[in-house]
Amino acid sequence: MAVICSNPECNISETGKCVEGFSPVDDCPTYGSEIDDLAVEVVDSSPLEETIESDVISLSSGNVLDDKQTDSLLKQYSGQVIACIGPSDIGKTTLLASIYEVFNKGNAINYSFGGSKTLYAFEEICHHSRAASHNKQADMIRTVRKNAASFYHIALNSLNKSARVDLFLADRAGEEYEDAVNNSDDCSGLYEVLRADMLMILIDGRALSDNKDRHAAKSHAEGLVRALQDEDMFTTGMEVIIIMTRYDLAFIKGSAEKALGELSKVTQKIKSILVGLNVNVTSHVVAARPNDITNADIGHGVPELIEMMAIKSSFKVNSEPSEVIAGPRSFHRFGIE
């Protein structure tokens, strides 16, 4: 074995001189250690590289999901698909943002936020209503027409941690739902509706409170339901909720009671259209982002809507994801490429 000094600054093996100046060098306390006795750590990089490659963690981008990504998550987590439909500028995106913001604002609700695969997308649609956006008035980005649905994901945990449900909230440009009323091809392409466990049909509270506009608002909602029925889009056990948005504007018009009465009428009409089908039709009122909070708080009716979604969903007792065999209601079973 080579005889060296354990002092890393000493090169006695090359120079023959002790760096500490000892003479004879045997008097140096660090001289004379053998190479095999040194605490030399040899790092082999190849096993580390193999470990990194085999343990790669795939992180979600946080953006909205398409139908294939949603289908993949449904196979892992199970969960409920909720389609939010209605004409443009009726508040679909605002309602979806408000569902997420309930958990930021600490509203009284029996479920806690359990995570989201679309966190960035939620934050993006909420941004323009926050002070950080520097907007003088709360605003909302519009859903861009792309002839496809996008999905927001949110998981809910019951407060006693015994149950979890994953919700996939479908969004699509309102113009595409308007086209579906008069075109069967456009209607049959609404695959999020065919896959939905819950269908939320939005109708404008401001319009329902106005003598001139309420007929058109009701006709559109009823026409959309008829078009969906004609294409056999309502599946067995589907929950249908007629949601009146902008309840605060009905108060401003001075006709809140009239709006509620019209909501009751359109709900009954839709029930009659769907009679004989195994679907449950109810109604609900929201004011997701009122301009005036005198008659409706911010997020009015949204916590209750979340409760409805959760209660009507099938919970898993274990909050950990489990492998779920693809069922007959996967998106790819509907001929979506």
Protein backbone atom coordinates (compact mmCIF):
# COMPACT_ATOMS: atom_id res chain seq x y z
CA MET A 1 0.00 0.00 0.00
CA ALA A 2 1.24 3.50 -0.74
CA VAL A 3 2.15 5.54 2.30
CA ILE A 4 0.74 9.04 2.27
CA CYS A 5 -0.33 11.90 4.54
CA SER A 6 -4.01 12.22 5.42
CA ASN A 7 -3.67 16.03 5.25
CA PRO A 8 -5.18 16.85 1.83
CA GLU A 9 -2.86 19.87 1.47
CA CYS A 10 0.29 17.76 1.88
CA ASN A 11 2.03 16.41 -1.27
CA ILE A 12 4.82 14.52 0.53
CA SER A 13 4.46 11.60 -1.85
CA GLU A 14 5.54 13.92 -4.66
CA THR A 15 7.85 16.43 -2.94
CA GLY A 16 9.27 14.35 -0.09
CA LYS A 17 8.65 17.27 2.28
CA CYS A 18 6.12 17.62 5.09
CA VAL A 19 3.77 20.57 4.59
CA GLU A 20 3.74 21.11 8.37
CA GLY A 21 7.56 21.22 8.47
CA PHE A 22 8.11 18.09 10.57
CA SER A 23 11.59 16.53 10.33
CA PRO A 24 11.74 13.65 10.48
CA VAL A 25 8.33 13.30 8.88
CA ASP A 26 7.48 10.40 11.18
CA ASP A 27 6.86 12.99 13.89
CA CYS A 28 3.90 14.39 11.90
CA PRO A 29 0.66 13.06 13.39
CA THR A 30 -1.07 12.92 10.01
CA TYR A 31 1.72 11.18 8.14
CA GLY A 32 1.71 7.48 7.47
CA SER A 33 -1.98 6.74 6.79
CA GLU A 34 -2.59 4.09 4.19
CA ILE A 35 -4.93 4.74 1.28
CA ASP A 36 -7.24 1.93 2.34
CA ASP A 37 -7.68 3.52 5.77
CA LEU A 38 -8.88 6.88 4.47
CA ALA A 39 -12.57 7.80 4.52
CA VAL A 40 -12.76 8.23 0.78
CA GLU A 41 -16.32 8.32 -0.62
CA VAL A 42 -16.55 7.02 -4.15
CA VAL A 43 -19.70 8.17 -5.95
CA ASP A 44 -21.02 6.00 -8.71
CA SER A 45 -23.32 8.17 -10.82
CA SER A 46 -24.89 5.40 -12.85
CA PRO A 47 -27.25 3.99 -10.16
CA LEU A 48 -28.43 7.52 -9.35
CA GLU A 49 -29.21 8.20 -12.98
CA GLU A 50 -31.15 4.95 -13.20
CA THR A 51 -33.15 5.88 -10.08
CA ILE A 52 -34.05 9.29 -11.47
CA GLU A 53 -35.20 7.78 -14.74
CA SER A 54 -37.33 5.12 -13.06
CA ASP A 55 -38.95 7.49 -10.52
CA VAL A 56 -39.96 10.33 -12.80
CA ILE A 57 -43.01 12.14 -11.41
CA SER A 58 -45.44 13.47 -13.99
CA LEU A 59 -46.85 16.80 -12.84
CA SER A 60 -50.07 18.27 -14.18
CA SER A 61 -49.74 21.50 -16.15
CA GLY A 62 -52.76 22.85 -14.29
CA ASN A 63 -54.48 23.84 -17.53
CA VAL A 64 -57.99 22.79 -18.55
CA LEU A 65 -58.41 19.16 -19.53
CA ASP A 66 -59.64 17.81 -22.84
CA ASP A 67 -61.92 14.78 -23.14
CA LYS A 68 -59.04 12.27 -23.34
CA GLN A 69 -57.32 13.65 -20.24
CA THR A 70 -60.63 13.70 -18.40
CA ASP A 71 -61.36 10.13 -19.44
CA SER A 72 -57.96 9.04 -18.13
CA LEU A 73 -58.58 10.68 -14.75
CA LEU A 74 -62.06 9.18 -14.55
CA LYS A 75 -60.48 5.74 -14.88
CA GLN A 76 -58.18 6.55 -11.95
CA TYR A 77 -60.47 8.42 -9.61
CA SER A 78 -63.98 7.68 -10.82
CA GLY A 79 -65.95 10.89 -10.17
CA GLN A 80 -68.79 12.90 -11.65
CA VAL A 81 -69.00 14.86 -14.90
CA ILE A 82 -71.04 18.05 -14.62
CA ALA A 83 -71.92 19.94 -17.80
CA CYS A 84 -72.68 23.65 -17.43
CA ILE A 85 -74.64 24.73 -20.53
CA GLY A 86 -76.34 27.86 -21.78
CA PRO A 87 -76.02 30.71 -24.30
CA SER A 88 -73.08 33.10 -24.42
CA ASP A 89 -72.71 35.81 -21.78
CA ILE A 90 -74.92 34.06 -19.26
CA GLY A 91 -72.26 33.50 -16.60
CA LYS A 92 -71.06 29.92 -17.13
CA THR A 93 -67.38 30.69 -16.55
CA THR A 94 -68.23 33.02 -13.67
CA LEU A 95 -70.15 30.21 -11.98
CA LEU A 96 -67.28 27.74 -12.45
CA ALA A 97 -64.85 30.28 -10.98
CA SER A 98 -67.15 30.84 -8.02
CA ILE A 99 -67.29 27.12 -7.26
CA TYR A 100 -63.51 27.19 -6.86
CA GLU A 101 -63.49 30.48 -4.91
CA VAL A 102 -65.86 29.12 -2.27
CA PHE A 103 -62.89 27.27 -0.79
CA ASN A 104 -60.66 30.39 -0.89
CA LYS A 105 -63.23 32.48 0.94
CA GLY A 106 -63.91 29.97 3.72
CA ASN A 107 -67.66 29.77 3.09
CA ALA A 108 -69.62 27.49 5.39
CA ILE A 109 -69.75 24.15 3.63
CA ASN A 110 -69.51 20.52 4.69
CA TYR A 111 -66.67 19.75 2.29
CA SER A 112 -63.08 20.91 2.06
CA PHE A 113 -60.87 21.47 -0.96
CA GLY A 114 -59.21 18.18 -1.86
CA GLY A 115 -57.00 19.34 -4.72
CA SER A 116 -57.28 20.12 -8.42
CA LYS A 117 -55.59 18.99 -11.62
CA THR A 118 -56.57 22.34 -13.20
CA LEU A 119 -55.39 24.75 -10.53
CA TYR A 120 -53.76 27.15 -12.99
CA ALA A 121 -56.93 27.24 -15.12
CA PHE A 122 -59.07 28.07 -12.08
CA GLU A 123 -56.68 30.83 -11.03
CA GLU A 124 -56.67 32.21 -14.56
CA ILE A 125 -60.47 32.61 -14.76
CA CYS A 126 -60.55 34.12 -11.25
CA HIS A 127 -57.75 36.64 -11.84
CA HIS A 128 -59.76 39.40 -13.53
CA SER A 129 -62.12 39.64 -10.59
CA ARG A 130 -59.34 40.12 -8.05
CA ALA A 131 -57.55 43.23 -6.87
CA ALA A 132 -54.27 41.91 -8.29
CA SER A 133 -55.66 42.37 -11.81
CA HIS A 134 -56.00 46.17 -11.20
CA ASN A 135 -59.38 46.11 -12.93
CA LYS A 136 -61.76 48.82 -11.77
CA GLN A 137 -64.64 46.35 -12.02
CA ALA A 138 -64.73 42.58 -11.63
CA ASP A 139 -64.48 40.96 -15.04
CA MET A 140 -64.34 37.48 -16.52
CA ILE A 141 -62.56 36.11 -19.57
CA ARG A 142 -64.90 34.63 -22.16
CA THR A 143 -64.71 31.01 -23.24
CA VAL A 144 -63.19 30.88 -26.72
CA ARG A 145 -65.07 28.95 -29.37
CA LYS A 146 -63.12 25.85 -30.37
CA ASN A 147 -65.86 23.28 -31.08
CA ALA A 148 -64.80 21.25 -28.09
CA ALA A 149 -65.44 21.14 -24.37
CA SER A 150 -62.87 21.92 -21.69
CA PHE A 151 -62.95 20.41 -18.22
CA TYR A 152 -62.06 21.84 -14.83
CA HIS A 153 -61.26 19.36 -12.07
CA ILE A 154 -61.86 19.80 -8.36
CA ALA A 155 -61.82 17.21 -5.58
CA LEU A 156 -63.92 17.54 -2.44
CA ASN A 157 -63.29 15.88 0.92
CA SER A 158 -66.02 15.52 3.50
CA LEU A 159 -65.07 17.32 6.72
CA ASN A 160 -64.73 14.05 8.63
CA LYS A 161 -62.27 12.86 5.94
CA SER A 162 -64.27 9.68 5.38
CA ALA A 163 -65.25 10.39 1.79
CA ARG A 164 -64.05 12.12 -1.35
CA VAL A 165 -65.58 12.97 -4.69
CA ASP A 166 -63.90 14.23 -7.85
CA LEU A 167 -65.89 16.64 -10.00
CA PHE A 168 -65.14 17.36 -13.65
CA LEU A 169 -66.87 20.59 -14.69
CA ALA A 170 -67.39 20.93 -18.43
CA ASP A 171 -67.27 24.32 -20.15
CA ARG A 172 -67.89 25.23 -23.78
CA ALA A 173 -68.43 28.46 -25.70
CA GLY A 174 -72.07 29.57 -25.43
CA GLU A 175 -72.35 30.08 -29.19
CA GLU A 176 -71.98 26.32 -29.65
CA TYR A 177 -74.98 25.66 -27.42
CA GLU A 178 -76.93 28.30 -29.34
CA ASP A 179 -76.12 26.54 -32.62
CA ALA A 180 -77.24 23.20 -31.14
CA VAL A 181 -80.83 24.44 -30.77
CA ASN A 182 -81.31 24.52 -34.55
CA ASN A 183 -78.76 22.00 -35.82
CA SER A 184 -78.92 18.32 -34.86
CA ASP A 185 -75.32 17.76 -35.95
CA ASP A 186 -74.11 20.46 -33.56
CA CYS A 187 -76.33 19.05 -30.84
CA SER A 188 -75.08 15.47 -31.14
CA GLY A 189 -71.50 16.77 -30.91
CA LEU A 190 -72.04 17.94 -27.32
CA TYR A 191 -70.34 14.86 -25.88
CA GLU A 192 -69.98 16.42 -22.42
CA VAL A 193 -73.78 16.45 -22.14
CA LEU A 194 -74.10 12.79 -23.13
CA ARG A 195 -71.46 11.84 -20.54
CA ALA A 196 -72.79 14.14 -17.80
CA ASP A 197 -73.99 12.80 -14.47
CA MET A 198 -75.38 16.26 -13.75
CA LEU A 199 -76.57 18.84 -16.27
CA MET A 200 -76.76 22.49 -15.19
CA ILE A 201 -78.88 24.52 -17.61
CA LEU A 202 -78.33 28.25 -17.03
CA ILE A 203 -81.00 30.90 -17.56
CA ASP A 204 -80.56 34.64 -17.01
CA GLY A 205 -82.33 36.07 -13.94
CA ARG A 206 -82.18 39.58 -15.36
CA ALA A 207 -84.00 38.39 -18.49
CA LEU A 208 -86.62 36.49 -16.49
CA SER A 209 -87.45 39.68 -14.59
CA ASP A 210 -87.94 41.67 -17.80
CA ASN A 211 -91.25 41.57 -19.69
CA LYS A 212 -89.49 41.98 -23.04
CA ASP A 213 -86.67 39.47 -22.57
CA ARG A 214 -88.12 36.66 -20.48
CA HIS A 215 -89.91 34.92 -23.36
CA ALA A 216 -86.69 34.63 -25.41
CA ALA A 217 -84.73 33.37 -22.37
CA LYS A 218 -87.32 30.71 -21.57
CA SER A 219 -87.69 29.69 -25.21
CA HIS A 220 -83.96 29.18 -25.59
CA ALA A 221 -83.73 26.98 -22.48
CA GLU A 222 -86.74 24.92 -23.52
CA GLY A 223 -85.53 24.71 -27.12
CA LEU A 224 -82.12 23.45 -26.00
CA VAL A 225 -83.74 20.77 -23.86
CA ARG A 226 -85.96 19.66 -26.76
CA ALA A 227 -82.96 19.50 -29.10
CA LEU A 228 -81.01 17.39 -26.60
CA GLN A 229 -84.00 15.12 -26.11
CA ASP A 230 -84.41 14.66 -29.86
CA GLU A 231 -80.81 13.43 -30.02
CA ASP A 232 -81.29 11.12 -27.00
CA MET A 233 -78.73 13.05 -24.95
CA PHE A 234 -80.43 12.52 -21.60
CA THR A 235 -79.11 9.41 -19.90
CA THR A 236 -80.74 7.32 -17.20
CA GLY A 237 -80.28 8.76 -13.72
CA MET A 238 -79.06 12.17 -14.92
CA GLU A 239 -79.61 15.09 -12.55
CA VAL A 240 -80.87 18.23 -14.33
CA ILE A 241 -80.70 21.56 -12.48
CA ILE A 242 -82.21 24.70 -14.00
CA ILE A 243 -80.01 27.45 -12.57
CA MET A 244 -81.09 31.07 -12.61
CA THR A 245 -77.97 33.25 -12.71
CA ARG A 246 -77.66 36.95 -11.88
CA TYR A 247 -80.34 36.92 -9.22
CA ASP A 248 -79.00 40.29 -8.03
CA LEU A 249 -79.98 41.90 -11.34
CA ALA A 250 -83.55 40.73 -10.89
CA PHE A 251 -83.63 42.75 -7.67
CA ILE A 252 -82.21 45.78 -9.44
CA LYS A 253 -85.00 45.50 -12.01
CA GLY A 254 -87.43 45.41 -9.07
CA SER A 255 -88.88 42.11 -10.21
CA ALA A 256 -87.11 39.42 -8.17
CA GLU A 257 -90.38 37.69 -7.32
CA LYS A 258 -91.39 37.70 -10.98
CA ALA A 259 -88.06 36.13 -11.92
CA LEU A 260 -88.53 33.36 -9.34
CA GLY A 261 -92.04 32.74 -10.65
CA GLU A 262 -90.77 32.46 -14.23
CA LEU A 263 -88.01 30.10 -13.07
CA SER A 264 -90.67 27.86 -11.55
CA LYS A 265 -92.65 27.91 -14.81
CA VAL A 266 -89.69 27.03 -17.03
CA THR A 267 -88.67 24.25 -14.63
CA GLN A 268 -92.14 22.74 -14.82
CA LYS A 269 -92.10 23.06 -18.60
CA ILE A 270 -88.78 21.23 -18.85
CA LYS A 271 -90.11 18.51 -16.53
CA SER A 272 -93.03 18.02 -18.90
CA ILE A 273 -90.68 17.82 -21.90
CA LEU A 274 -88.63 15.12 -20.17
CA VAL A 275 -91.56 13.21 -18.72
CA GLY A 276 -91.06 9.47 -19.04
CA LEU A 277 -87.29 9.73 -18.90
CA ASN A 278 -85.51 8.64 -15.75
CA VAL A 279 -84.07 12.08 -14.97
CA ASN A 280 -84.57 14.31 -11.94
CA VAL A 281 -85.28 18.00 -12.67
CA THR A 282 -84.83 20.67 -9.98
CA SER A 283 -84.03 24.40 -9.90
CA HIS A 284 -81.59 26.64 -8.06
CA VAL A 285 -80.72 30.34 -7.82
CA VAL A 286 -77.25 31.92 -7.80
CA ALA A 287 -75.64 35.35 -7.91
CA ALA A 288 -72.04 34.30 -8.37
CA ARG A 289 -70.52 37.76 -8.68
CA PRO A 290 -73.13 40.48 -8.00
CA ASN A 291 -72.30 44.12 -8.72
CA ASP A 292 -74.48 45.18 -5.79
CA ILE A 293 -74.40 43.03 -2.64
CA THR A 294 -77.43 44.73 -1.10
CA ASN A 295 -79.76 41.87 -2.02
CA ALA A 296 -77.31 39.04 -2.75
CA ASP A 297 -73.91 38.32 -1.26
CA ILE A 298 -70.95 37.39 -3.46
CA GLY A 299 -71.31 33.73 -4.33
CA HIS A 300 -74.98 33.67 -3.36
CA GLY A 301 -76.28 30.11 -3.74
CA VAL A 302 -72.91 28.65 -4.79
CA PRO A 303 -72.06 26.79 -1.53
CA GLU A 304 -75.50 25.18 -1.64
CA LEU A 305 -74.91 24.20 -5.27
CA ILE A 306 -71.64 22.50 -4.29
CA GLU A 307 -73.50 20.60 -1.59
CA MET A 308 -75.98 19.44 -4.23
CA MET A 309 -73.17 18.24 -6.48
CA ALA A 310 -71.46 16.38 -3.65
CA ILE A 311 -74.56 14.78 -2.14
CA LYS A 312 -75.77 13.53 -5.52
CA SER A 313 -72.32 12.09 -6.29
CA SER A 314 -71.12 8.64 -5.31
CA PHE A 315 -68.34 8.92 -2.74
CA LYS A 316 -65.39 6.66 -2.24
CA VAL A 317 -64.58 5.96 1.39
CA ASN A 318 -60.86 5.97 0.64
CA SER A 319 -59.49 9.31 -0.55
CA GLU A 320 -56.60 7.61 -2.35
CA PRO A 321 -57.02 7.15 -6.11
CA SER A 322 -57.72 3.62 -7.23
CA GLU A 323 -57.67 1.93 -10.59
CA VAL A 324 -61.15 1.93 -12.09
CA ILE A 325 -61.96 -0.16 -15.12
CA ALA A 326 -63.25 1.98 -17.99
CA GLY A 327 -67.02 1.83 -18.01
CA PRO A 328 -69.48 2.13 -20.89
CA ARG A 329 -69.73 5.89 -20.29
CA SER A 330 -66.10 6.72 -21.08
CA PHE A 331 -65.76 9.49 -23.65
CA HIS A 332 -64.17 7.22 -26.22
CA ARG A 333 -67.30 5.06 -26.19
CA PHE A 334 -69.17 8.02 -27.69
CA GLY A 335 -67.07 8.00 -30.86
CA ILE A 336 -64.89 10.94 -29.83
CA GLU A 337 -61.52 10.91 -31.56
